[in-house]
Amino acid sequence: MRIDKFLKISRILKRRSLAKDACDAGKIIVNGKEAKPSKEIKPLDEVELHYATGSVKFRILQIKESVKKDEVPSLYEVISSE
């Protein structure tokens, strides 16, 4: 699955276009490298997202094409948050 789609499905970012813009601006790092919106991700990848006010680092646990709101926590675990 693409990183921009995962960020939208996991509700980390509200819209896929926001995820694309964040990737284009270099605010998303996957396994230590800047990610393009089309970056393919897999379980156990570590993603770092830089916001204007801080950042969050999380590990992808599983990938699903669609999830209900109560299933979102099973998709990733937060490693650190600033």
C-alpha atoms as a PDB file:
ATOM      1  CA  MET A   1       0.000   0.000   0.000  1.00  0.00           C
ATOM      2  CA  ARG A   2       1.142   3.548  -0.691  1.00  0.00           C
ATOM      3  CA  ILE A   3       2.139   5.722   2.271  1.00  0.00           C
ATOM      4  CA  ASP A   4      -0.334   8.473   1.348  1.00  0.00           C
ATOM      5  CA  LYS A   5      -3.224   6.006   1.321  1.00  0.00           C
ATOM      6  CA  PHE A   6      -2.135   4.415   4.613  1.00  0.00           C
ATOM      7  CA  LEU A   7      -2.005   7.798   6.366  1.00  0.00           C
ATOM      8  CA  LYS A   8      -5.566   8.498   5.250  1.00  0.00           C
ATOM      9  CA  ILE A   9      -6.982   5.064   6.076  1.00  0.00           C
ATOM     10  CA  SER A  10      -5.307   5.033   9.499  1.00  0.00           C
ATOM     11  CA  ARG A  11      -6.760   8.500  10.145  1.00  0.00           C
ATOM     12  CA  ILE A  12      -3.334   9.947  10.953  1.00  0.00           C
ATOM     13  CA  LEU A  13      -4.095  12.601   8.313  1.00  0.00           C
ATOM     14  CA  LYS A  14      -7.631  13.479   7.294  1.00  0.00           C
ATOM     15  CA  ARG A  15      -7.216  13.509   3.529  1.00  0.00           C
ATOM     16  CA  ARG A  16      -4.972  11.759   1.051  1.00  0.00           C
ATOM     17  CA  SER A  17      -4.162  15.103  -0.550  1.00  0.00           C
ATOM     18  CA  LEU A  18      -2.762  16.300   2.802  1.00  0.00           C
ATOM     19  CA  ALA A  19      -0.585  13.188   2.947  1.00  0.00           C
ATOM     20  CA  LYS A  20       0.636  13.875  -0.592  1.00  0.00           C
ATOM     21  CA  ASP A  21       1.461  17.483   0.274  1.00  0.00           C
ATOM     22  CA  ALA A  22       3.319  16.375   3.431  1.00  0.00           C
ATOM     23  CA  CYS A  23       5.379  13.899   1.390  1.00  0.00           C
ATOM     24  CA  ASP A  24       6.166  16.498  -1.240  1.00  0.00           C
ATOM     25  CA  ALA A  25       7.324  18.890   1.501  1.00  0.00           C
ATOM     26  CA  GLY A  26       9.675  16.245   2.976  1.00  0.00           C
ATOM     27  CA  LYS A  27       7.709  15.922   6.230  1.00  0.00           C
ATOM     28  CA  ILE A  28       7.290  12.133   6.040  1.00  0.00           C
ATOM     29  CA  ILE A  29      10.239   9.821   6.647  1.00  0.00           C
ATOM     30  CA  VAL A  30       9.970   6.038   6.129  1.00  0.00           C
ATOM     31  CA  ASN A  31      12.799   3.927   7.563  1.00  0.00           C
ATOM     32  CA  GLY A  32      15.093   6.949   7.731  1.00  0.00           C
ATOM     33  CA  LYS A  33      14.513   8.204   4.166  1.00  0.00           C
ATOM     34  CA  GLU A  34      12.216  10.917   2.826  1.00  0.00           C
ATOM     35  CA  ALA A  35       9.159   9.336   1.268  1.00  0.00           C
ATOM     36  CA  LYS A  36       7.283  10.195  -1.895  1.00  0.00           C
ATOM     37  CA  PRO A  37       3.482   9.729  -1.839  1.00  0.00           C
ATOM     38  CA  SER A  38       3.858   6.534  -3.899  1.00  0.00           C
ATOM     39  CA  LYS A  39       6.284   4.889  -1.435  1.00  0.00           C
ATOM     40  CA  GLU A  40       5.144   1.313  -0.840  1.00  0.00           C
ATOM     41  CA  ILE A  41       5.005   0.419   2.841  1.00  0.00           C
ATOM     42  CA  LYS A  42       4.819  -2.897   4.657  1.00  0.00           C
ATOM     43  CA  PRO A  43       4.353  -4.078   8.245  1.00  0.00           C
ATOM     44  CA  LEU A  44       7.210  -3.175  10.627  1.00  0.00           C
ATOM     45  CA  ASP A  45       8.195  -0.078   8.619  1.00  0.00           C
ATOM     46  CA  GLU A  46       8.885   2.926  10.845  1.00  0.00           C
ATOM     47  CA  VAL A  47       7.330   6.215   9.792  1.00  0.00           C
ATOM     48  CA  GLU A  48       8.121   9.659  11.127  1.00  0.00           C
ATOM     49  CA  LEU A  49       5.727  12.525  10.471  1.00  0.00           C
ATOM     50  CA  HIS A  50       6.791  16.109  11.139  1.00  0.00           C
ATOM     51  CA  TYR A  51       4.021  18.588  11.996  1.00  0.00           C
ATOM     52  CA  ALA A  52       4.443  22.334  12.408  1.00  0.00           C
ATOM     53  CA  THR A  53       4.222  21.889  16.198  1.00  0.00           C
ATOM     54  CA  GLY A  54       6.111  18.616  16.646  1.00  0.00           C
ATOM     55  CA  SER A  55       6.479  15.122  15.279  1.00  0.00           C
ATOM     56  CA  VAL A  56       5.260  11.575  15.764  1.00  0.00           C
ATOM     57  CA  LYS A  57       7.070   8.324  15.039  1.00  0.00           C
ATOM     58  CA  PHE A  58       5.147   5.085  14.645  1.00  0.00           C
ATOM     59  CA  ARG A  59       5.591   1.489  13.480  1.00  0.00           C
ATOM     60  CA  ILE A  60       3.145  -0.040  11.025  1.00  0.00           C
ATOM     61  CA  LEU A  61       1.676  -3.257  12.428  1.00  0.00           C
ATOM     62  CA  GLN A  62      -0.685  -4.281   9.649  1.00  0.00           C
ATOM     63  CA  ILE A  63      -2.112  -2.999   6.413  1.00  0.00           C
ATOM     64  CA  LYS A  64      -5.784  -3.168   5.447  1.00  0.00           C
ATOM     65  CA  GLU A  65      -7.603  -1.619   2.510  1.00  0.00           C
ATOM     66  CA  SER A  66     -10.399  -0.303   4.722  1.00  0.00           C
ATOM     67  CA  VAL A  67     -10.985  -0.188   8.463  1.00  0.00           C
ATOM     68  CA  LYS A  68     -13.672   0.896  10.865  1.00  0.00           C
ATOM     69  CA  LYS A  69     -12.914   3.626  13.350  1.00  0.00           C
ATOM     70  CA  ASP A  70     -12.505   1.194  16.276  1.00  0.00           C
ATOM     71  CA  GLU A  71      -9.995  -0.943  14.293  1.00  0.00           C
ATOM     72  CA  VAL A  72      -7.580   1.948  13.623  1.00  0.00           C
ATOM     73  CA  PRO A  73      -5.384   1.354  16.732  1.00  0.00           C
ATOM     74  CA  SER A  74      -4.485  -2.120  15.400  1.00  0.00           C
ATOM     75  CA  LEU A  75      -2.812  -0.630  12.301  1.00  0.00           C
ATOM     76  CA  TYR A  76       0.131   1.088  14.034  1.00  0.00           C
ATOM     77  CA  GLU A  77       1.857   1.696  17.347  1.00  0.00           C
ATOM     78  CA  VAL A  78       3.300   5.045  18.381  1.00  0.00           C
ATOM     79  CA  ILE A  79       7.011   4.869  19.221  1.00  0.00           C
ATOM     80  CA  SER A  80       7.516   8.491  20.198  1.00  0.00           C
ATOM     81  CA  SER A  81       5.641  11.759  20.059  1.00  0.00           C
ATOM     82  CA  GLU A  82       6.879  15.309  20.530  1.00  0.00           C
END
